[in-house]
Amino acid sequence: MPAPVDEPGSYTIRFNRFTRLLADHAEDDHDVVGTGAKKRRALIPERLVRVVHRPFNETIRPGGVGRRLGFITDRPRGQPRVVLLRPLVDDPRPRLYPLPGEARAVYTVARRKCTFQTDGRDRYCIDSAGLILASEVDETVEVATSVSTTPAAATATAIAAALAKGFINTDAGSVRPITPTSSPPGKPDLALPAPPTGFTHVGRYTVVALSNAVLERTSRKVAAGVVDVYVRGADALVVDRGGRLDTGDVTDEDLGGMTDATTVDLGALGPARAGIAGIGPFGYREVRFAPSKGRYVVVAGTLPLEELIALTRSLTTSPGTGLVYTDK
């Protein structure tokens, strides 16, 4: 399905976050709302701002998480740590996540119309641009108070420039740019023969995401990969292939969880799992398979799952040429 015309490349949402506590924790009866076992106290809201630049960058101010391609910072002025090169983990798109079932009631939040989608007990009110305007997750309620959007998305040039210097830190992981034809020696490489229609190839990178194995220094359980990054406006596609130093099986602990996973046939490449990665029902789509023992391939992106499966089937094999780094 084509992207909706009002899907922004970047947006800013100001919102209030409330945390509901059981009445037993209330300081006085005037703070309590509801009756009986459902009595709760609504706290004074936190006023926060979420700024998103699709498809990779997000910050929450004040004092919240900060994400950019390959990195996450958990607190203000905290040290960034390396994570897998993937699209935003919590950025819903209506063309990817249609509301199932019967027609839903339409609500107005921050002067925008949205409809609620449920994921277990959690509820999210999502508008036609794929923005979450209100949510109820566990005891936390978030409600947007204002929304501003712009059509511009991060360009391939800007993304490449941000990663051109590379990053190496024994306490945080590493991301290093390599030439577009580089691949690990001694192992056949799987890659797309050309950028998909409309996409630009940002670059190819070696990535070691921070893990307990990395912090152990001498562990052979470290997983590392070579990643191609492609962008098309607000959309992203990544092809990540790698393995573990000890040639042990690569698991979801190494690659992140995946929900709603199904088995798909990739033809000559064999069976794979396909599903949703990221947070809640709003993660990006992902296809992953093991070409050989201790190896993995992941194709992930902000595309419908059928397109990702087709792109995965189109991966071609070439001999390992060796890694040529372009950082200093």
Protein backbone atom coordinates (compact mmCIF):
# COMPACT_ATOMS: atom_id res chain seq x y z
CA MET A 1 0.00 0.00 0.00
CA PRO A 2 1.31 3.53 -0.70
CA ALA A 3 2.16 5.81 2.18
CA PRO A 4 -0.66 8.15 3.24
CA VAL A 5 -0.25 11.70 1.98
CA ASP A 6 -0.09 13.14 5.49
CA GLU A 7 2.63 10.83 6.79
CA PRO A 8 5.33 13.19 8.14
CA GLY A 9 9.07 12.76 7.89
CA SER A 10 9.50 14.31 11.32
CA TYR A 11 7.23 15.41 14.13
CA THR A 12 7.15 16.89 17.62
CA ILE A 13 4.55 15.85 20.18
CA ARG A 14 4.10 17.58 23.50
CA PHE A 15 2.30 15.30 25.91
CA ASN A 16 1.36 14.71 29.53
CA ARG A 17 2.31 11.46 31.24
CA PHE A 18 0.29 10.29 34.22
CA THR A 19 1.13 7.39 36.52
CA ARG A 20 -1.80 5.80 38.31
CA LEU A 21 -1.19 4.24 41.71
CA LEU A 22 -3.43 2.11 43.90
CA ALA A 23 -5.28 4.04 46.60
CA ASP A 24 -3.19 2.35 49.31
CA HIS A 25 -0.34 4.62 48.18
CA ALA A 26 -2.41 7.82 48.17
CA GLU A 27 -1.38 10.50 50.61
CA ASP A 28 -4.96 11.52 51.37
CA ASP A 29 -8.50 10.67 50.28
CA HIS A 30 -8.80 13.83 48.19
CA ASP A 31 -6.29 12.40 45.73
CA VAL A 32 -8.28 9.21 45.18
CA VAL A 33 -10.57 8.64 42.21
CA GLY A 34 -12.84 5.62 41.64
CA THR A 35 -14.42 3.29 44.16
CA GLY A 36 -13.74 -0.03 45.83
CA ALA A 37 -10.83 -2.14 44.62
CA LYS A 38 -10.41 0.13 41.59
CA LYS A 39 -9.62 3.22 43.63
CA ARG A 40 -6.62 5.00 42.15
CA ARG A 41 -4.77 8.24 42.60
CA ALA A 42 -3.89 10.32 39.55
CA LEU A 43 -0.54 12.01 40.01
CA ILE A 44 0.41 15.44 38.69
CA PRO A 45 1.41 14.84 35.08
CA GLU A 46 4.93 15.00 33.72
CA ARG A 47 5.09 17.38 30.78
CA LEU A 48 7.31 15.85 28.11
CA VAL A 49 8.28 16.44 24.48
CA ARG A 50 8.94 13.67 21.96
CA VAL A 51 10.88 14.69 18.83
CA VAL A 52 11.12 12.12 16.03
CA HIS A 53 13.03 12.22 12.74
CA ARG A 54 12.01 9.18 10.77
CA PRO A 55 13.31 6.60 10.22
CA PHE A 56 16.02 6.48 12.93
CA ASN A 57 16.16 9.34 15.46
CA GLU A 58 14.08 10.07 18.55
CA THR A 59 14.48 12.08 21.75
CA ILE A 60 12.22 12.56 24.75
CA ARG A 61 12.80 15.66 26.85
CA PRO A 62 13.49 16.23 29.65
CA GLY A 63 15.49 13.32 30.96
CA GLY A 64 14.27 10.63 28.60
CA VAL A 65 15.72 8.28 26.08
CA GLY A 66 17.63 9.43 23.02
CA ARG A 67 17.98 7.27 19.89
CA ARG A 68 19.90 7.72 16.67
CA LEU A 69 21.00 5.19 14.12
CA GLY A 70 23.15 2.65 15.93
CA PHE A 71 23.09 4.37 19.33
CA ILE A 72 20.88 4.87 22.35
CA THR A 73 21.38 7.16 25.35
CA ASP A 74 19.31 6.35 28.42
CA ARG A 75 19.62 9.60 30.32
CA PRO A 76 20.72 13.20 29.81
CA ARG A 77 24.46 13.43 29.12
CA GLY A 78 24.74 9.68 29.55
CA GLN A 79 27.25 7.70 27.53
CA PRO A 80 25.72 6.40 24.31
CA ARG A 81 25.84 2.65 23.78
CA VAL A 82 25.78 0.83 20.49
CA VAL A 83 22.63 -1.03 19.50
CA LEU A 84 21.67 -2.91 16.37
CA LEU A 85 21.25 -0.75 13.27
CA ARG A 86 17.49 -0.79 12.91
CA PRO A 87 14.60 1.64 12.25
CA LEU A 88 12.81 3.23 15.19
CA VAL A 89 11.39 0.58 17.48
CA ASP A 90 8.14 2.36 18.39
CA ASP A 91 7.04 4.39 15.37
CA PRO A 92 3.73 3.05 13.99
CA ARG A 93 2.76 3.50 10.36
CA PRO A 94 -0.91 3.14 9.37
CA ARG A 95 -0.13 1.36 6.10
CA LEU A 96 1.72 -1.29 8.07
CA TYR A 97 -0.53 -1.59 11.09
CA PRO A 98 -4.18 -1.33 9.94
CA LEU A 99 -6.80 -1.38 12.64
CA PRO A 100 -8.40 -4.84 12.50
CA GLY A 101 -12.04 -5.72 12.99
CA GLU A 102 -15.09 -3.53 12.99
CA ALA A 103 -15.19 0.25 12.65
CA ARG A 104 -13.79 2.03 15.70
CA ALA A 105 -14.95 5.17 17.44
CA VAL A 106 -13.05 8.29 16.39
CA TYR A 107 -11.57 10.56 19.07
CA THR A 108 -10.01 14.01 18.88
CA VAL A 109 -6.70 14.47 20.70
CA ALA A 110 -4.54 17.58 20.24
CA ARG A 111 -6.89 18.65 17.44
CA ARG A 112 -6.18 15.45 15.49
CA LYS A 113 -8.48 12.49 14.98
CA CYS A 114 -7.38 9.03 16.10
CA THR A 115 -8.83 5.58 16.72
CA PHE A 116 -7.87 3.13 19.46
CA GLN A 117 -6.02 -0.12 18.86
CA THR A 118 -5.50 -2.66 21.62
CA ASP A 119 -2.53 -4.93 22.30
CA GLY A 120 -3.51 -7.18 25.17
CA ARG A 121 -4.50 -4.77 27.94
CA ASP A 122 -2.61 -1.86 26.41
CA ARG A 123 -4.45 0.72 24.30
CA TYR A 124 -3.14 3.23 21.74
CA CYS A 125 -4.99 5.98 19.89
CA ILE A 126 -3.33 6.30 16.45
CA ASP A 127 -4.03 8.92 13.78
CA SER A 128 -3.85 8.62 9.99
CA ALA A 129 -0.19 9.73 9.96
CA GLY A 130 0.85 6.87 12.24
CA LEU A 131 1.29 8.99 15.38
CA ILE A 132 0.37 7.76 18.86
CA LEU A 133 -1.71 10.56 20.40
CA ALA A 134 -2.84 8.74 23.54
CA SER A 135 -1.94 5.49 25.24
CA GLU A 136 -2.67 3.40 28.32
CA VAL A 137 0.15 0.96 29.11
CA ASP A 138 0.06 -0.74 32.51
CA GLU A 139 -0.39 2.13 34.99
CA THR A 140 0.95 4.83 32.65
CA VAL A 141 -1.31 7.11 30.60
CA GLU A 142 0.06 9.49 27.96
CA VAL A 143 -2.03 12.14 26.20
CA ALA A 144 -0.78 14.51 23.49
CA THR A 145 -1.42 18.22 24.04
CA SER A 146 0.06 19.51 20.76
CA VAL A 147 1.49 18.06 17.55
CA SER A 148 3.60 19.66 14.82
CA THR A 149 4.81 17.86 11.72
CA THR A 150 7.13 18.49 8.77
CA PRO A 151 7.43 16.51 5.53
CA ALA A 152 11.23 16.53 5.47
CA ALA A 153 13.03 13.32 6.46
CA ALA A 154 16.70 12.70 7.25
CA THR A 155 18.74 12.46 4.06
CA ALA A 156 21.15 9.67 3.22
CA THR A 157 23.99 12.21 3.16
CA ALA A 158 23.29 13.40 6.70
CA ILE A 159 23.02 9.85 8.02
CA ALA A 160 26.27 8.81 6.37
CA ALA A 161 28.06 11.87 7.72
CA ALA A 162 26.95 11.04 11.26
CA LEU A 163 28.56 7.60 11.06
CA ALA A 164 31.59 8.47 8.93
CA LYS A 165 33.95 8.86 11.90
CA GLY A 166 33.08 5.49 13.37
CA PHE A 167 32.79 4.66 17.08
CA ILE A 168 34.80 2.22 19.19
CA ASN A 169 34.42 1.84 22.95
CA THR A 170 35.11 -1.34 24.91
CA ASP A 171 32.33 -0.36 27.34
CA ALA A 172 29.76 0.60 24.71
CA GLY A 173 30.32 -1.40 21.49
CA SER A 174 31.39 -0.27 18.03
CA VAL A 175 30.12 0.96 14.66
CA ARG A 176 32.63 1.46 11.83
CA PRO A 177 32.06 2.35 8.15
CA ILE A 178 33.57 0.11 5.49
CA THR A 179 33.67 0.29 1.71
CA PRO A 180 30.45 -0.78 -0.06
CA THR A 181 32.11 -3.92 -1.46
CA SER A 182 33.79 -5.05 1.78
CA SER A 183 32.77 -8.33 3.39
CA PRO A 184 34.28 -10.62 6.02
CA PRO A 185 37.00 -12.85 4.57
CA GLY A 186 36.53 -16.61 4.42
CA LYS A 187 32.72 -16.59 4.43
CA PRO A 188 30.31 -16.04 1.51
CA ASP A 189 28.47 -12.74 1.82
CA LEU A 190 24.75 -12.25 1.22
CA ALA A 191 23.65 -8.81 0.03
CA LEU A 192 21.17 -7.07 -2.23
CA PRO A 193 22.46 -6.77 -5.79
CA ALA A 194 21.29 -3.13 -5.94
CA PRO A 195 19.28 -0.67 -3.83
CA PRO A 196 15.53 -1.36 -4.08
CA THR A 197 13.50 1.04 -6.21
CA GLY A 198 13.48 4.53 -4.69
CA PHE A 199 16.03 3.70 -1.98
CA THR A 200 19.50 5.20 -1.55
CA HIS A 201 22.37 3.17 -0.12
CA VAL A 202 23.60 5.09 2.94
CA GLY A 203 26.59 2.87 3.63
CA ARG A 204 27.96 -0.43 4.87
CA TYR A 205 29.09 -0.80 8.49
CA THR A 206 30.56 -3.32 10.90
CA VAL A 207 28.57 -3.38 14.14
CA VAL A 208 29.20 -4.87 17.56
CA ALA A 209 26.21 -4.00 19.75
CA LEU A 210 26.82 -3.69 23.49
CA SER A 211 26.06 -6.94 25.32
CA ASN A 212 27.15 -8.81 28.42
CA ALA A 213 29.54 -10.79 26.24
CA VAL A 214 31.19 -7.57 25.04
CA LEU A 215 31.68 -6.42 28.63
CA GLU A 216 33.33 -9.73 29.53
CA ARG A 217 36.17 -8.73 27.18
CA THR A 218 37.41 -12.28 26.47
CA SER A 219 34.04 -13.89 25.76
CA ARG A 220 33.67 -15.80 22.49
CA LYS A 221 29.89 -15.31 22.57
CA VAL A 222 30.13 -11.81 21.06
CA ALA A 223 27.88 -11.38 18.02
CA ALA A 224 29.02 -9.03 15.26
CA GLY A 225 27.63 -8.15 11.86
CA VAL A 226 28.05 -6.26 8.61
CA VAL A 227 25.08 -4.01 7.86
CA ASP A 228 23.87 -2.24 4.73
CA VAL A 229 21.58 0.74 5.40
CA TYR A 230 19.13 2.10 2.79
CA VAL A 231 16.69 5.01 3.09
CA ARG A 232 13.77 6.30 1.04
CA GLY A 233 12.41 9.46 2.61
CA ALA A 234 11.00 8.41 5.98
CA ASP A 235 11.41 4.70 5.21
CA ALA A 236 14.41 2.53 6.08
CA LEU A 237 15.73 -0.88 5.10
CA VAL A 238 18.70 -2.68 6.67
CA VAL A 239 20.41 -5.93 5.70
CA ASP A 240 22.42 -7.30 8.63
CA ARG A 241 24.46 -10.49 8.39
CA GLY A 242 27.00 -11.83 10.84
CA GLY A 243 27.58 -14.38 13.53
CA ARG A 244 29.09 -15.25 16.88
CA LEU A 245 32.80 -15.66 17.48
CA ASP A 246 32.30 -19.11 19.02
CA THR A 247 30.12 -20.16 16.03
CA GLY A 248 27.33 -20.91 18.50
CA ASP A 249 23.72 -20.49 17.48
CA VAL A 250 22.61 -16.85 17.23
CA THR A 251 19.43 -16.40 19.27
CA ASP A 252 16.80 -13.74 19.93
CA GLU A 253 18.95 -12.66 22.88
CA ASP A 254 21.56 -11.56 20.32
CA LEU A 255 19.14 -10.10 17.75
CA GLY A 256 16.25 -8.86 19.89
CA GLY A 257 12.78 -10.27 20.40
CA MET A 258 10.25 -10.84 17.66
CA THR A 259 6.48 -11.21 18.01
CA ASP A 260 3.80 -12.64 15.73
CA ALA A 261 6.55 -14.72 14.12
CA THR A 262 5.69 -17.14 11.34
CA THR A 263 7.83 -19.51 9.28
CA VAL A 264 8.35 -18.56 5.63
CA ASP A 265 10.08 -20.32 2.74
CA LEU A 266 12.92 -18.35 1.12
CA GLY A 267 13.48 -20.88 -1.64
CA ALA A 268 17.18 -21.59 -2.13
CA LEU A 269 17.99 -19.74 1.11
CA GLY A 270 15.84 -22.12 3.16
CA PRO A 271 13.34 -21.44 5.94
CA ALA A 272 13.14 -18.16 7.86
CA ARG A 273 11.14 -16.48 10.58
CA ALA A 274 9.22 -13.30 9.84
CA GLY A 275 7.43 -11.02 12.27
CA ILE A 276 7.47 -7.79 14.26
CA ALA A 277 10.54 -6.56 16.12
CA GLY A 278 10.67 -3.57 18.47
CA ILE A 279 8.20 -2.34 21.08
CA GLY A 280 4.61 -3.48 21.44
CA PRO A 281 2.67 -3.87 18.18
CA PHE A 282 4.56 -1.01 16.54
CA GLY A 283 7.99 -2.43 15.83
CA TYR A 284 9.42 -2.60 12.33
CA ARG A 285 8.94 -5.76 10.26
CA GLU A 286 11.82 -8.24 10.13
CA VAL A 287 12.89 -11.45 8.39
CA ARG A 288 15.70 -13.52 9.90
CA PHE A 289 17.33 -16.83 9.05
CA ALA A 290 20.53 -18.83 9.65
CA PRO A 291 22.51 -19.54 6.43
CA SER A 292 24.89 -21.80 8.39
CA LYS A 293 25.77 -22.71 11.96
CA GLY A 294 26.68 -19.68 14.04
CA ARG A 295 25.62 -17.26 11.26
CA TYR A 296 22.56 -15.06 10.86
CA VAL A 297 20.92 -12.79 8.30
CA VAL A 298 18.33 -10.13 9.18
CA VAL A 299 16.39 -8.01 6.70
CA ALA A 300 14.40 -5.35 8.56
CA GLY A 301 12.54 -2.22 7.60
CA THR A 302 9.49 0.03 7.59
CA LEU A 303 7.96 -1.94 4.73
CA PRO A 304 5.10 -4.43 4.56
CA LEU A 305 6.26 -7.89 5.51
CA GLU A 306 5.53 -9.28 2.03
CA GLU A 307 7.98 -6.79 0.51
CA LEU A 308 10.67 -7.67 3.05
CA ILE A 309 10.25 -11.37 2.31
CA ALA A 310 10.58 -10.72 -1.43
CA LEU A 311 13.72 -8.62 -0.87
CA THR A 312 15.21 -11.33 1.33
CA ARG A 313 14.67 -13.90 -1.44
CA SER A 314 16.59 -11.60 -3.80
CA LEU A 315 19.80 -11.64 -1.73
CA THR A 316 22.78 -12.80 -3.76
CA THR A 317 25.95 -14.58 -2.67
CA SER A 318 29.50 -13.33 -3.26
CA PRO A 319 32.87 -14.46 -1.86
CA GLY A 320 34.30 -12.68 1.16
CA THR A 321 36.71 -9.98 0.06
CA GLY A 322 38.03 -8.70 3.39
CA LEU A 323 37.08 -5.60 5.37
CA VAL A 324 38.30 -2.18 4.24
CA TYR A 325 37.53 0.49 6.86
CA THR A 326 36.98 4.10 5.83
CA ASP A 327 37.12 5.74 9.27
CA LYS A 328 40.33 7.06 10.79
